[in-house]
Amino acid sequence: MDSPDLQFKYQKLAFEYSKLRAQNQVLKRGVKDEQEKALQLKEDINSRDQSLRKAEQELDSLSFRNQQLTKRLSLLQEDLEI
């Protein structure tokens, strides 16, 4: 092989390498951004799950209290009827 052909191949290879390095940086940034988004979404899900559990507990507590008051009211009504 002659030197100009080898030099052309080297330049072409260097250009491709440079292109791939640039693409790699873009891909790395994209992966990092997606990982950050995924982490944020997981945190949002955990927060919403916690809020949901709290609301369910409050609903259960209110339902229980409502049942107690309903029974108490029934007893008071029975007392009034007597």
N, C-alpha and C. Protein backbone atom coordinates (compact mmCIF):
# COMPACT_ATOMS: atom_id res chain seq x y z
N MET A 1 0.84 -1.19 0.00
CA MET A 1 0.00 0.00 0.00
C MET A 1 0.88 1.24 0.00
N ASP A 2 0.39 2.22 -0.67
CA ASP A 2 1.18 3.45 -0.67
C ASP A 2 0.74 4.35 0.47
N SER A 3 1.56 5.28 0.82
CA SER A 3 1.36 6.14 1.96
C SER A 3 0.10 7.00 1.87
N PRO A 4 -0.23 7.59 0.71
CA PRO A 4 -1.46 8.40 0.64
C PRO A 4 -2.71 7.57 0.93
N ASP A 5 -2.75 6.35 0.44
CA ASP A 5 -3.91 5.49 0.70
C ASP A 5 -4.02 5.18 2.19
N LEU A 6 -2.90 4.90 2.81
CA LEU A 6 -2.87 4.62 4.24
C LEU A 6 -3.27 5.86 5.04
N GLN A 7 -2.79 6.99 4.62
CA GLN A 7 -3.13 8.24 5.30
C GLN A 7 -4.63 8.54 5.16
N PHE A 8 -5.20 8.29 3.99
CA PHE A 8 -6.63 8.49 3.77
C PHE A 8 -7.45 7.59 4.70
N LYS A 9 -7.03 6.33 4.78
CA LYS A 9 -7.73 5.39 5.66
C LYS A 9 -7.63 5.82 7.12
N TYR A 10 -6.46 6.31 7.50
CA TYR A 10 -6.27 6.78 8.87
C TYR A 10 -7.18 7.97 9.15
N GLN A 11 -7.23 8.91 8.21
CA GLN A 11 -8.08 10.09 8.40
C GLN A 11 -9.56 9.69 8.47
N LYS A 12 -9.95 8.77 7.63
CA LYS A 12 -11.34 8.30 7.64
C LYS A 12 -11.65 7.63 8.98
N LEU A 13 -10.74 6.81 9.45
CA LEU A 13 -10.91 6.12 10.73
C LEU A 13 -10.96 7.14 11.88
N ALA A 14 -10.09 8.14 11.85
CA ALA A 14 -10.07 9.18 12.88
C ALA A 14 -11.39 9.95 12.88
N PHE A 15 -11.92 10.23 11.68
CA PHE A 15 -13.19 10.94 11.57
C PHE A 15 -14.33 10.10 12.16
N GLU A 16 -14.37 8.84 11.82
CA GLU A 16 -15.41 7.94 12.35
C GLU A 16 -15.30 7.82 13.87
N TYR A 17 -14.08 7.73 14.36
CA TYR A 17 -13.85 7.65 15.80
C TYR A 17 -14.38 8.91 16.49
N SER A 18 -14.07 10.07 15.90
CA SER A 18 -14.52 11.34 16.46
C SER A 18 -16.05 11.41 16.47
N LYS A 19 -16.67 10.96 15.39
CA LYS A 19 -18.13 10.94 15.31
C LYS A 19 -18.73 10.04 16.39
N LEU A 20 -18.14 8.86 16.55
CA LEU A 20 -18.64 7.91 17.55
C LEU A 20 -18.46 8.44 18.97
N ARG A 21 -17.36 9.11 19.22
CA ARG A 21 -17.14 9.70 20.54
C ARG A 21 -18.21 10.75 20.85
N ALA A 22 -18.54 11.56 19.86
CA ALA A 22 -19.57 12.59 20.04
C ALA A 22 -20.93 11.93 20.30
N GLN A 23 -21.23 10.90 19.53
CA GLN A 23 -22.50 10.18 19.72
C GLN A 23 -22.54 9.53 21.10
N ASN A 24 -21.41 9.00 21.52
CA ASN A 24 -21.32 8.36 22.82
C ASN A 24 -21.63 9.36 23.94
N GLN A 25 -21.11 10.56 23.82
CA GLN A 25 -21.37 11.58 24.84
C GLN A 25 -22.86 11.92 24.89
N VAL A 26 -23.48 12.03 23.72
CA VAL A 26 -24.91 12.33 23.66
C VAL A 26 -25.70 11.19 24.29
N LEU A 27 -25.33 9.96 23.97
CA LEU A 27 -26.03 8.80 24.52
C LEU A 27 -25.85 8.71 26.03
N LYS A 28 -24.64 8.97 26.51
CA LYS A 28 -24.40 8.94 27.95
C LYS A 28 -25.28 9.97 28.66
N ARG A 29 -25.37 11.17 28.09
CA ARG A 29 -26.21 12.22 28.69
C ARG A 29 -27.68 11.79 28.66
N GLY A 30 -28.09 11.19 27.56
CA GLY A 30 -29.47 10.72 27.45
C GLY A 30 -29.78 9.66 28.49
N VAL A 31 -28.87 8.73 28.68
CA VAL A 31 -29.06 7.68 29.69
C VAL A 31 -29.14 8.29 31.08
N LYS A 32 -28.26 9.23 31.36
CA LYS A 32 -28.26 9.89 32.67
C LYS A 32 -29.58 10.63 32.90
N ASP A 33 -30.03 11.36 31.87
CA ASP A 33 -31.31 12.08 31.98
C ASP A 33 -32.46 11.12 32.24
N GLU A 34 -32.50 10.01 31.53
CA GLU A 34 -33.57 9.02 31.71
C GLU A 34 -33.51 8.37 33.08
N GLN A 35 -32.30 8.15 33.58
CA GLN A 35 -32.16 7.58 34.93
C GLN A 35 -32.69 8.56 35.97
N GLU A 36 -32.39 9.85 35.77
CA GLU A 36 -32.88 10.87 36.70
C GLU A 36 -34.41 10.95 36.64
N LYS A 37 -34.96 10.86 35.44
CA LYS A 37 -36.43 10.88 35.30
C LYS A 37 -37.04 9.67 35.99
N ALA A 38 -36.43 8.50 35.80
CA ALA A 38 -36.94 7.28 36.41
C ALA A 38 -36.90 7.39 37.94
N LEU A 39 -35.83 7.94 38.47
CA LEU A 39 -35.71 8.12 39.92
C LEU A 39 -36.78 9.07 40.42
N GLN A 40 -37.00 10.16 39.70
CA GLN A 40 -38.03 11.12 40.10
C GLN A 40 -39.41 10.48 40.07
N LEU A 41 -39.66 9.68 39.03
CA LEU A 41 -40.95 9.00 38.93
C LEU A 41 -41.15 8.02 40.08
N LYS A 42 -40.08 7.30 40.45
CA LYS A 42 -40.17 6.37 41.58
C LYS A 42 -40.48 7.13 42.86
N GLU A 43 -39.84 8.28 43.04
CA GLU A 43 -40.10 9.09 44.23
C GLU A 43 -41.54 9.58 44.24
N ASP A 44 -42.03 10.00 43.07
CA ASP A 44 -43.42 10.45 42.97
C ASP A 44 -44.38 9.31 43.30
N ILE A 45 -44.10 8.12 42.79
CA ILE A 45 -44.95 6.97 43.08
C ILE A 45 -44.96 6.67 44.57
N ASN A 46 -43.78 6.67 45.18
CA ASN A 46 -43.70 6.40 46.62
C ASN A 46 -44.48 7.44 47.42
N SER A 47 -44.36 8.70 47.02
CA SER A 47 -45.08 9.77 47.71
C SER A 47 -46.59 9.60 47.56
N ARG A 48 -47.02 9.27 46.36
CA ARG A 48 -48.46 9.08 46.13
C ARG A 48 -48.97 7.84 46.84
N ASP A 49 -48.17 6.79 46.87
CA ASP A 49 -48.57 5.58 47.61
C ASP A 49 -48.74 5.91 49.09
N GLN A 50 -47.81 6.70 49.61
CA GLN A 50 -47.88 7.08 51.01
C GLN A 50 -49.14 7.91 51.27
N SER A 51 -49.44 8.84 50.39
CA SER A 51 -50.65 9.65 50.54
C SER A 51 -51.90 8.79 50.44
N LEU A 52 -51.89 7.84 49.53
CA LEU A 52 -53.03 6.94 49.37
C LEU A 52 -53.24 6.10 50.62
N ARG A 53 -52.15 5.55 51.16
CA ARG A 53 -52.27 4.76 52.40
C ARG A 53 -52.82 5.61 53.55
N LYS A 54 -52.35 6.84 53.64
CA LYS A 54 -52.83 7.73 54.69
C LYS A 54 -54.33 8.00 54.51
N ALA A 55 -54.75 8.26 53.28
CA ALA A 55 -56.17 8.52 53.02
C ALA A 55 -57.01 7.28 53.31
N GLU A 56 -56.50 6.09 52.95
CA GLU A 56 -57.23 4.85 53.24
C GLU A 56 -57.36 4.63 54.74
N GLN A 57 -56.29 4.91 55.48
CA GLN A 57 -56.35 4.78 56.94
C GLN A 57 -57.36 5.74 57.54
N GLU A 58 -57.36 6.97 57.01
CA GLU A 58 -58.32 7.96 57.50
C GLU A 58 -59.75 7.52 57.18
N LEU A 59 -59.96 6.99 55.99
CA LEU A 59 -61.29 6.50 55.61
C LEU A 59 -61.73 5.36 56.53
N ASP A 60 -60.82 4.43 56.78
CA ASP A 60 -61.14 3.32 57.69
C ASP A 60 -61.50 3.84 59.08
N SER A 61 -60.71 4.80 59.55
CA SER A 61 -60.96 5.37 60.87
C SER A 61 -62.32 6.07 60.91
N LEU A 62 -62.62 6.84 59.87
CA LEU A 62 -63.91 7.53 59.82
C LEU A 62 -65.08 6.55 59.70
N SER A 63 -64.88 5.50 58.94
CA SER A 63 -65.94 4.49 58.82
C SER A 63 -66.21 3.82 60.16
N PHE A 64 -65.13 3.49 60.86
CA PHE A 64 -65.28 2.87 62.18
C PHE A 64 -66.00 3.82 63.14
N ARG A 65 -65.58 5.08 63.13
CA ARG A 65 -66.21 6.08 64.01
C ARG A 65 -67.68 6.28 63.64
N ASN A 66 -67.96 6.26 62.34
CA ASN A 66 -69.34 6.41 61.88
C ASN A 66 -70.21 5.24 62.38
N GLN A 67 -69.65 4.03 62.32
CA GLN A 67 -70.39 2.86 62.83
C GLN A 67 -70.66 3.00 64.32
N GLN A 68 -69.66 3.47 65.06
CA GLN A 68 -69.85 3.67 66.50
C GLN A 68 -70.96 4.68 66.76
N LEU A 69 -70.93 5.77 66.02
CA LEU A 69 -71.95 6.80 66.23
C LEU A 69 -73.33 6.32 65.81
N THR A 70 -73.40 5.52 64.76
CA THR A 70 -74.67 4.96 64.32
C THR A 70 -75.25 4.05 65.41
N LYS A 71 -74.42 3.21 66.00
CA LYS A 71 -74.87 2.33 67.08
C LYS A 71 -75.33 3.15 68.29
N ARG A 72 -74.56 4.16 68.59
CA ARG A 72 -74.90 5.03 69.74
C ARG A 72 -76.24 5.72 69.49
N LEU A 73 -76.43 6.20 68.28
CA LEU A 73 -77.68 6.86 67.92
C LEU A 73 -78.86 5.89 68.02
N SER A 74 -78.65 4.68 67.54
CA SER A 74 -79.71 3.67 67.63
C SER A 74 -80.09 3.40 69.09
N LEU A 75 -79.08 3.28 69.94
CA LEU A 75 -79.35 3.06 71.38
C LEU A 75 -80.09 4.25 71.99
N LEU A 76 -79.70 5.45 71.63
CA LEU A 76 -80.39 6.62 72.17
C LEU A 76 -81.84 6.70 71.68
N GLN A 77 -82.05 6.33 70.42
CA GLN A 77 -83.42 6.33 69.90
C GLN A 77 -84.27 5.29 70.61
N GLU A 78 -83.66 4.12 70.87
CA GLU A 78 -84.39 3.09 71.61
C GLU A 78 -84.74 3.57 73.00
N ASP A 79 -83.81 4.27 73.64
CA ASP A 79 -84.06 4.80 74.98
C ASP A 79 -85.21 5.82 74.95
N LEU A 80 -85.29 6.59 73.90
CA LEU A 80 -86.36 7.59 73.80
C LEU A 80 -87.71 6.93 73.59
N GLU A 81 -87.73 5.81 72.91
CA GLU A 81 -88.97 5.12 72.62
C GLU A 81 -89.54 4.43 73.86
N ILE A 82 -88.70 4.15 74.79
CA ILE A 82 -89.15 3.43 75.98
C ILE A 82 -89.81 4.32 76.97
